[in-house]
Amino acid sequence: MAQVQSVSPTAQPLQPVALREEKERTGWVGWVFFAGVMMVIGGALNAFYGLVAVLNSTWVGWANTTHVFTTVSTWGWTQLIVGLVVVLAGIGVFTGSMAARTVGVIVAALSLVANFMFIPLYPFWALTIIVVDALVIYALAVHGKEVRSA
């Protein structure tokens, strides 16, 4: 592509539009990678919990079964499938995938809402996770596209 020259001899030549629209990476890319790592770790742990429940549902015990609306095996399959989806989405976050970032935002939002319920029990831990979830949501939603240029 030929560059367009300006009329003034002292002016700099104009750059093509694609080069001018490219943005510099910011420090938030680190938070995007943090989100991806947390998704891979959390998803792998959930998949492991699910696998244990599926393979040996008699070993996994719930103390109060009057409020359980499913079997341990069914819950294990749910944990296993959701955990694997989160692991794959976490890996996708490293590529800047929009679908993976969307799953990451949804998972972090659910975690944030769930931790509001734990504030009376574990205030410091719950507030810490709420802040981390908020940072992860912001990093994925606003700066997730920067990972593609990383």
N, C-alpha and C. Protein backbone atom coordinates (compact mmCIF):
# COMPACT_ATOMS: atom_id res chain seq x y z
N MET A 1 0.84 -1.16 0.00
CA MET A 1 0.00 0.00 0.00
C MET A 1 0.89 1.24 0.00
N ALA A 2 0.68 2.13 -0.88
CA ALA A 2 1.49 3.34 -0.98
C ALA A 2 1.06 4.33 0.08
N GLN A 3 2.04 5.07 0.62
CA GLN A 3 1.71 6.06 1.63
C GLN A 3 1.31 7.36 0.95
N VAL A 4 0.39 8.06 1.59
CA VAL A 4 -0.09 9.34 1.07
C VAL A 4 0.84 10.42 1.57
N GLN A 5 1.34 11.25 0.67
CA GLN A 5 2.23 12.33 1.04
C GLN A 5 1.42 13.60 1.28
N SER A 6 1.86 14.39 2.26
CA SER A 6 1.16 15.64 2.54
C SER A 6 1.69 16.74 1.63
N VAL A 7 0.98 17.85 1.61
CA VAL A 7 1.34 18.97 0.74
C VAL A 7 2.56 19.70 1.28
N SER A 8 2.66 19.89 2.57
CA SER A 8 3.76 20.62 3.17
C SER A 8 5.02 19.76 3.18
N PRO A 9 6.17 20.32 2.79
CA PRO A 9 7.40 19.53 2.76
C PRO A 9 7.92 19.18 4.16
N THR A 10 7.51 19.92 5.20
CA THR A 10 8.00 19.64 6.55
C THR A 10 7.07 18.72 7.33
N ALA A 11 5.89 18.48 6.83
CA ALA A 11 4.93 17.63 7.56
C ALA A 11 5.31 16.16 7.41
N GLN A 12 4.95 15.37 8.43
CA GLN A 12 5.20 13.95 8.41
C GLN A 12 4.22 13.26 7.46
N PRO A 13 4.65 12.19 6.78
CA PRO A 13 3.72 11.48 5.91
C PRO A 13 2.61 10.82 6.75
N LEU A 14 1.44 10.75 6.18
CA LEU A 14 0.30 10.15 6.87
C LEU A 14 0.45 8.64 6.88
N GLN A 15 0.03 8.02 7.99
CA GLN A 15 0.08 6.57 8.09
C GLN A 15 -1.28 6.01 7.70
N PRO A 16 -1.30 4.78 7.21
CA PRO A 16 -2.58 4.15 6.91
C PRO A 16 -3.44 4.07 8.17
N VAL A 17 -4.75 4.03 8.00
CA VAL A 17 -5.68 4.05 9.11
C VAL A 17 -5.46 2.87 10.06
N ALA A 18 -5.16 1.70 9.54
CA ALA A 18 -4.99 0.51 10.38
C ALA A 18 -3.86 0.70 11.39
N LEU A 19 -2.79 1.38 11.01
CA LEU A 19 -1.67 1.60 11.92
C LEU A 19 -2.00 2.63 12.98
N ARG A 20 -2.81 3.64 12.63
CA ARG A 20 -3.14 4.68 13.59
C ARG A 20 -4.12 4.19 14.64
N GLU A 21 -4.96 3.20 14.32
CA GLU A 21 -5.96 2.73 15.26
C GLU A 21 -5.41 1.70 16.25
N GLU A 22 -4.21 1.17 16.01
CA GLU A 22 -3.63 0.20 16.91
C GLU A 22 -3.30 0.87 18.24
N LYS A 23 -3.69 0.22 19.33
CA LYS A 23 -3.45 0.80 20.65
C LYS A 23 -2.30 0.08 21.33
N GLU A 24 -1.67 0.79 22.23
CA GLU A 24 -0.62 0.20 23.05
C GLU A 24 -1.25 -0.73 24.07
N ARG A 25 -0.50 -1.77 24.45
CA ARG A 25 -0.97 -2.63 25.52
C ARG A 25 -0.83 -1.89 26.84
N THR A 26 -1.78 -2.14 27.74
CA THR A 26 -1.72 -1.51 29.05
C THR A 26 -1.38 -2.58 30.10
N GLY A 27 -1.23 -2.13 31.33
CA GLY A 27 -0.95 -3.05 32.42
C GLY A 27 -2.12 -3.97 32.74
N TRP A 28 -3.29 -3.66 32.21
CA TRP A 28 -4.47 -4.48 32.47
C TRP A 28 -4.39 -5.83 31.78
N VAL A 29 -3.49 -5.98 30.83
CA VAL A 29 -3.33 -7.28 30.19
C VAL A 29 -2.92 -8.33 31.22
N GLY A 30 -2.15 -7.92 32.22
CA GLY A 30 -1.79 -8.83 33.31
C GLY A 30 -3.01 -9.32 34.05
N TRP A 31 -3.99 -8.45 34.26
CA TRP A 31 -5.23 -8.86 34.91
C TRP A 31 -6.03 -9.80 34.04
N VAL A 32 -5.96 -9.61 32.73
CA VAL A 32 -6.65 -10.53 31.83
C VAL A 32 -6.02 -11.92 31.93
N PHE A 33 -4.69 -11.98 31.95
CA PHE A 33 -4.01 -13.27 32.12
C PHE A 33 -4.32 -13.86 33.50
N PHE A 34 -4.39 -13.02 34.53
CA PHE A 34 -4.77 -13.48 35.86
C PHE A 34 -6.17 -14.12 35.82
N ALA A 35 -7.09 -13.48 35.12
CA ALA A 35 -8.45 -14.02 34.99
C ALA A 35 -8.42 -15.38 34.31
N GLY A 36 -7.62 -15.50 33.26
CA GLY A 36 -7.51 -16.78 32.56
C GLY A 36 -6.93 -17.88 33.45
N VAL A 37 -5.91 -17.55 34.21
CA VAL A 37 -5.29 -18.53 35.12
C VAL A 37 -6.29 -18.95 36.19
N MET A 38 -7.01 -17.98 36.76
CA MET A 38 -7.99 -18.30 37.79
C MET A 38 -9.12 -19.17 37.23
N MET A 39 -9.51 -18.91 35.99
CA MET A 39 -10.56 -19.73 35.37
C MET A 39 -10.08 -21.16 35.16
N VAL A 40 -8.83 -21.32 34.71
CA VAL A 40 -8.30 -22.67 34.49
C VAL A 40 -8.19 -23.42 35.82
N ILE A 41 -7.67 -22.76 36.86
CA ILE A 41 -7.53 -23.41 38.16
C ILE A 41 -8.89 -23.73 38.76
N GLY A 42 -9.79 -22.75 38.79
CA GLY A 42 -11.12 -22.97 39.36
C GLY A 42 -11.91 -24.02 38.60
N GLY A 43 -11.85 -23.96 37.28
CA GLY A 43 -12.56 -24.95 36.47
C GLY A 43 -12.01 -26.35 36.66
N ALA A 44 -10.68 -26.47 36.77
CA ALA A 44 -10.07 -27.79 36.98
C ALA A 44 -10.46 -28.35 38.34
N LEU A 45 -10.48 -27.50 39.37
CA LEU A 45 -10.90 -27.97 40.70
C LEU A 45 -12.36 -28.41 40.68
N ASN A 46 -13.23 -27.63 40.04
CA ASN A 46 -14.64 -28.01 39.96
C ASN A 46 -14.82 -29.30 39.17
N ALA A 47 -14.07 -29.45 38.09
CA ALA A 47 -14.15 -30.69 37.30
C ALA A 47 -13.68 -31.88 38.14
N PHE A 48 -12.64 -31.67 38.94
CA PHE A 48 -12.15 -32.73 39.82
C PHE A 48 -13.19 -33.11 40.86
N TYR A 49 -13.81 -32.09 41.48
CA TYR A 49 -14.89 -32.37 42.45
C TYR A 49 -16.00 -33.18 41.78
N GLY A 50 -16.36 -32.79 40.58
CA GLY A 50 -17.41 -33.49 39.86
C GLY A 50 -17.03 -34.92 39.53
N LEU A 51 -15.77 -35.11 39.12
CA LEU A 51 -15.30 -36.45 38.79
C LEU A 51 -15.34 -37.37 40.01
N VAL A 52 -14.93 -36.85 41.16
CA VAL A 52 -14.98 -37.64 42.39
C VAL A 52 -16.42 -38.02 42.72
N ALA A 53 -17.34 -37.07 42.55
CA ALA A 53 -18.75 -37.35 42.86
C ALA A 53 -19.34 -38.36 41.89
N VAL A 54 -18.93 -38.31 40.63
CA VAL A 54 -19.46 -39.25 39.63
C VAL A 54 -18.91 -40.65 39.87
N LEU A 55 -17.61 -40.76 40.11
CA LEU A 55 -16.98 -42.08 40.24
C LEU A 55 -17.32 -42.79 41.55
N ASN A 56 -17.55 -42.04 42.59
CA ASN A 56 -17.82 -42.67 43.88
C ASN A 56 -18.83 -41.83 44.65
N SER A 57 -20.08 -41.90 44.25
CA SER A 57 -21.10 -41.06 44.87
C SER A 57 -21.41 -41.47 46.30
N THR A 58 -21.02 -42.66 46.72
CA THR A 58 -21.24 -43.06 48.12
C THR A 58 -20.18 -42.47 49.04
N TRP A 59 -19.03 -42.13 48.49
CA TRP A 59 -17.95 -41.56 49.29
C TRP A 59 -18.24 -40.10 49.63
N VAL A 60 -18.86 -39.39 48.68
CA VAL A 60 -19.20 -37.99 48.89
C VAL A 60 -20.48 -37.96 49.72
N GLY A 61 -20.44 -37.32 50.87
CA GLY A 61 -21.61 -37.30 51.74
C GLY A 61 -22.09 -35.90 52.03
N TRP A 62 -23.39 -35.73 52.03
CA TRP A 62 -23.99 -34.46 52.42
C TRP A 62 -24.67 -34.69 53.75
N ALA A 63 -24.41 -33.84 54.71
CA ALA A 63 -24.96 -34.01 56.05
C ALA A 63 -26.47 -33.77 56.09
N ASN A 64 -26.94 -32.76 55.39
CA ASN A 64 -28.36 -32.42 55.44
C ASN A 64 -28.97 -32.72 54.07
N THR A 65 -29.51 -33.89 53.89
CA THR A 65 -30.05 -34.29 52.59
C THR A 65 -31.50 -33.88 52.40
N THR A 66 -32.11 -33.26 53.39
CA THR A 66 -33.51 -32.87 53.24
C THR A 66 -33.68 -31.69 52.28
N HIS A 67 -32.63 -30.92 52.05
CA HIS A 67 -32.72 -29.77 51.15
C HIS A 67 -32.03 -30.01 49.82
N VAL A 68 -31.63 -31.23 49.55
CA VAL A 68 -30.94 -31.56 48.31
C VAL A 68 -31.98 -32.00 47.28
N PHE A 69 -31.95 -31.37 46.14
CA PHE A 69 -32.94 -31.66 45.11
C PHE A 69 -32.40 -32.53 43.98
N THR A 70 -31.23 -33.10 44.17
CA THR A 70 -30.62 -33.93 43.14
C THR A 70 -29.74 -34.99 43.79
N THR A 71 -29.31 -35.94 43.00
CA THR A 71 -28.40 -36.96 43.53
C THR A 71 -26.97 -36.46 43.46
N VAL A 72 -26.10 -37.11 44.21
CA VAL A 72 -24.69 -36.73 44.18
C VAL A 72 -24.10 -36.96 42.79
N SER A 73 -24.50 -38.04 42.13
CA SER A 73 -24.00 -38.34 40.80
C SER A 73 -24.42 -37.27 39.79
N THR A 74 -25.66 -36.83 39.85
CA THR A 74 -26.13 -35.78 38.93
C THR A 74 -25.39 -34.47 39.19
N TRP A 75 -25.23 -34.13 40.45
CA TRP A 75 -24.49 -32.92 40.79
C TRP A 75 -23.04 -33.05 40.32
N GLY A 76 -22.46 -34.24 40.42
CA GLY A 76 -21.10 -34.46 39.96
C GLY A 76 -20.96 -34.24 38.47
N TRP A 77 -21.92 -34.75 37.68
CA TRP A 77 -21.87 -34.52 36.23
C TRP A 77 -21.98 -33.03 35.92
N THR A 78 -22.84 -32.34 36.65
CA THR A 78 -22.98 -30.89 36.44
C THR A 78 -21.67 -30.18 36.74
N GLN A 79 -21.05 -30.50 37.88
CA GLN A 79 -19.77 -29.90 38.24
C GLN A 79 -18.69 -30.20 37.21
N LEU A 80 -18.67 -31.44 36.74
CA LEU A 80 -17.66 -31.86 35.76
C LEU A 80 -17.81 -31.09 34.46
N ILE A 81 -19.01 -31.00 33.94
CA ILE A 81 -19.24 -30.32 32.66
C ILE A 81 -18.97 -28.83 32.78
N VAL A 82 -19.51 -28.20 33.82
CA VAL A 82 -19.29 -26.76 34.00
C VAL A 82 -17.81 -26.47 34.22
N GLY A 83 -17.14 -27.31 35.00
CA GLY A 83 -15.70 -27.13 35.23
C GLY A 83 -14.89 -27.21 33.95
N LEU A 84 -15.21 -28.17 33.08
CA LEU A 84 -14.49 -28.29 31.80
C LEU A 84 -14.76 -27.10 30.89
N VAL A 85 -15.99 -26.59 30.89
CA VAL A 85 -16.31 -25.40 30.09
C VAL A 85 -15.51 -24.20 30.59
N VAL A 86 -15.40 -24.05 31.89
CA VAL A 86 -14.63 -22.93 32.46
C VAL A 86 -13.15 -23.08 32.14
N VAL A 87 -12.62 -24.30 32.18
CA VAL A 87 -11.21 -24.52 31.82
C VAL A 87 -10.97 -24.13 30.37
N LEU A 88 -11.83 -24.57 29.47
CA LEU A 88 -11.68 -24.23 28.05
C LEU A 88 -11.82 -22.72 27.83
N ALA A 89 -12.74 -22.10 28.53
CA ALA A 89 -12.89 -20.65 28.41
C ALA A 89 -11.66 -19.93 28.96
N GLY A 90 -11.09 -20.44 30.05
CA GLY A 90 -9.87 -19.85 30.60
C GLY A 90 -8.72 -19.92 29.62
N ILE A 91 -8.60 -21.03 28.93
CA ILE A 91 -7.57 -21.16 27.90
C ILE A 91 -7.87 -20.19 26.75
N GLY A 92 -9.14 -20.06 26.42
CA GLY A 92 -9.54 -19.13 25.35
C GLY A 92 -9.26 -17.68 25.69
N VAL A 93 -9.29 -17.33 26.98
CA VAL A 93 -9.00 -15.95 27.39
C VAL A 93 -7.58 -15.57 26.98
N PHE A 94 -6.65 -16.53 27.00
CA PHE A 94 -5.27 -16.24 26.62
C PHE A 94 -5.14 -15.85 25.15
N THR A 95 -6.11 -16.22 24.34
CA THR A 95 -6.09 -15.87 22.92
C THR A 95 -6.88 -14.61 22.62
N GLY A 96 -7.58 -14.09 23.61
CA GLY A 96 -8.40 -12.89 23.41
C GLY A 96 -9.76 -13.20 22.83
N SER A 97 -10.20 -14.44 22.91
CA SER A 97 -11.48 -14.86 22.35
C SER A 97 -12.64 -14.14 23.04
N MET A 98 -13.55 -13.59 22.24
CA MET A 98 -14.70 -12.89 22.79
C MET A 98 -15.63 -13.85 23.55
N ALA A 99 -15.84 -15.05 23.01
CA ALA A 99 -16.71 -16.03 23.68
C ALA A 99 -16.12 -16.43 25.03
N ALA A 100 -14.81 -16.64 25.08
CA ALA A 100 -14.15 -17.01 26.34
C ALA A 100 -14.23 -15.87 27.35
N ARG A 101 -14.06 -14.65 26.88
CA ARG A 101 -14.17 -13.50 27.78
C ARG A 101 -15.58 -13.36 28.31
N THR A 102 -16.58 -13.67 27.48
CA THR A 102 -17.97 -13.60 27.92
C THR A 102 -18.24 -14.62 29.02
N VAL A 103 -17.76 -15.85 28.83
CA VAL A 103 -17.91 -16.87 29.86
C VAL A 103 -17.19 -16.42 31.14
N GLY A 104 -16.02 -15.84 30.99
CA GLY A 104 -15.27 -15.36 32.15
C GLY A 104 -16.00 -14.29 32.92
N VAL A 105 -16.62 -13.37 32.21
CA VAL A 105 -17.39 -12.31 32.87
C VAL A 105 -18.60 -12.91 33.59
N ILE A 106 -19.28 -13.86 32.96
CA ILE A 106 -20.44 -14.50 33.59
C ILE A 106 -20.03 -15.25 34.86
N VAL A 107 -18.94 -16.02 34.77
CA VAL A 107 -18.47 -16.78 35.93
C VAL A 107 -18.05 -15.84 37.06
N ALA A 108 -17.33 -14.78 36.73
CA ALA A 108 -16.90 -13.83 37.76
C ALA A 108 -18.10 -13.10 38.37
N ALA A 109 -19.09 -12.79 37.55
CA ALA A 109 -20.28 -12.12 38.07
C ALA A 109 -21.05 -13.03 39.02
N LEU A 110 -21.18 -14.30 38.66
CA LEU A 110 -21.85 -15.26 39.56
C LEU A 110 -21.09 -15.41 40.87
N SER A 111 -19.76 -15.44 40.78
CA SER A 111 -18.93 -15.54 41.99
C SER A 111 -19.10 -14.28 42.85
N LEU A 112 -19.15 -13.12 42.22
CA LEU A 112 -19.32 -11.87 42.95
C LEU A 112 -20.64 -11.86 43.69
N VAL A 113 -21.72 -12.24 43.01
CA VAL A 113 -23.04 -12.25 43.65
C VAL A 113 -23.08 -13.30 44.78
N ALA A 114 -22.52 -14.47 44.54
CA ALA A 114 -22.52 -15.52 45.56
C ALA A 114 -21.75 -15.08 46.80
N ASN A 115 -20.67 -14.33 46.63
CA ASN A 115 -19.88 -13.90 47.78
C ASN A 115 -20.57 -12.82 48.60
N PHE A 116 -21.55 -12.12 48.02
CA PHE A 116 -22.34 -11.20 48.84
C PHE A 116 -23.08 -11.97 49.93
N MET A 117 -23.47 -13.20 49.62
CA MET A 117 -24.18 -14.01 50.61
C MET A 117 -23.26 -14.50 51.73
N PHE A 118 -21.95 -14.54 51.48
CA PHE A 118 -21.01 -15.02 52.47
C PHE A 118 -20.43 -13.90 53.34
N ILE A 119 -20.81 -12.66 53.09
CA ILE A 119 -20.27 -11.55 53.88
C ILE A 119 -20.53 -11.73 55.37
N PRO A 120 -21.74 -12.15 55.80
CA PRO A 120 -21.94 -12.33 57.25
C PRO A 120 -21.06 -13.43 57.85
N LEU A 121 -20.72 -14.45 57.07
CA LEU A 121 -19.94 -15.57 57.60
C LEU A 121 -18.44 -15.31 57.54
N TYR A 122 -17.97 -14.85 56.39
CA TYR A 122 -16.53 -14.62 56.17
C TYR A 122 -16.35 -13.23 55.55
N PRO A 123 -16.47 -12.16 56.34
CA PRO A 123 -16.47 -10.82 55.75
C PRO A 123 -15.19 -10.46 55.00
N PHE A 124 -14.04 -10.73 55.59
CA PHE A 124 -12.78 -10.35 54.92
C PHE A 124 -12.59 -11.13 53.63
N TRP A 125 -12.79 -12.44 53.69
CA TRP A 125 -12.61 -13.29 52.51
C TRP A 125 -13.61 -12.93 51.42
N ALA A 126 -14.87 -12.77 51.79
CA ALA A 126 -15.91 -12.47 50.81
C ALA A 126 -15.65 -11.12 50.13
N LEU A 127 -15.28 -10.11 50.90
CA LEU A 127 -15.00 -8.80 50.30
C LEU A 127 -13.75 -8.85 49.41
N THR A 128 -12.77 -9.65 49.80
CA THR A 128 -11.58 -9.81 48.96
C THR A 128 -11.95 -10.42 47.62
N ILE A 129 -12.75 -11.48 47.64
CA ILE A 129 -13.16 -12.13 46.39
C ILE A 129 -14.04 -11.20 45.56
N ILE A 130 -14.89 -10.41 46.19
CA ILE A 130 -15.74 -9.46 45.46
C ILE A 130 -14.87 -8.45 44.72
N VAL A 131 -13.85 -7.94 45.37
CA VAL A 131 -12.95 -6.97 44.72
C VAL A 131 -12.19 -7.63 43.56
N VAL A 132 -11.67 -8.84 43.78
CA VAL A 132 -10.96 -9.55 42.71
C VAL A 132 -11.90 -9.83 41.54
N ASP A 133 -13.11 -10.28 41.83
CA ASP A 133 -14.09 -10.53 40.76
C ASP A 133 -14.39 -9.26 39.98
N ALA A 134 -14.55 -8.14 40.67
CA ALA A 134 -14.82 -6.87 39.98
C ALA A 134 -13.65 -6.48 39.07
N LEU A 135 -12.41 -6.67 39.55
CA LEU A 135 -11.24 -6.37 38.72
C LEU A 135 -11.16 -7.30 37.51
N VAL A 136 -11.48 -8.57 37.71
CA VAL A 136 -11.46 -9.53 36.61
C VAL A 136 -12.52 -9.16 35.57
N ILE A 137 -13.72 -8.81 36.02
CA ILE A 137 -14.78 -8.41 35.08
C ILE A 137 -14.34 -7.20 34.28
N TYR A 138 -13.78 -6.19 34.96
CA TYR A 138 -13.32 -4.99 34.27
C TYR A 138 -12.21 -5.32 33.27
N ALA A 139 -11.24 -6.13 33.70
CA ALA A 139 -10.13 -6.48 32.80
C ALA A 139 -10.62 -7.23 31.57
N LEU A 140 -11.52 -8.20 31.76
CA LEU A 140 -12.01 -8.98 30.62
C LEU A 140 -12.89 -8.15 29.71
N ALA A 141 -13.74 -7.32 30.29
CA ALA A 141 -14.70 -6.56 29.49
C ALA A 141 -14.04 -5.41 28.75
N VAL A 142 -13.12 -4.70 29.39
CA VAL A 142 -12.56 -3.50 28.79
C VAL A 142 -11.24 -3.74 28.09
N HIS A 143 -10.40 -4.60 28.65
CA HIS A 143 -9.05 -4.76 28.11
C HIS A 143 -8.78 -6.16 27.54
N GLY A 144 -9.77 -7.00 27.45
CA GLY A 144 -9.58 -8.35 26.96
C GLY A 144 -9.09 -8.42 25.54
N LYS A 145 -9.47 -7.47 24.72
CA LYS A 145 -9.06 -7.47 23.31
C LYS A 145 -7.56 -7.19 23.16
N GLU A 146 -6.95 -6.55 24.15
CA GLU A 146 -5.53 -6.23 24.09
C GLU A 146 -4.66 -7.49 24.09
N VAL A 147 -5.20 -8.61 24.56
CA VAL A 147 -4.44 -9.86 24.63
C VAL A 147 -4.08 -10.33 23.23
N ARG A 148 -4.93 -10.06 22.26
CA ARG A 148 -4.65 -10.51 20.88
C ARG A 148 -3.35 -9.92 20.34
N SER A 149 -3.03 -8.70 20.76
CA SER A 149 -1.81 -8.06 20.26
C SER A 149 -0.61 -8.38 21.13
N ALA A 150 -0.83 -9.13 22.22
CA ALA A 150 0.27 -9.42 23.15
C ALA A 150 1.23 -10.44 22.57
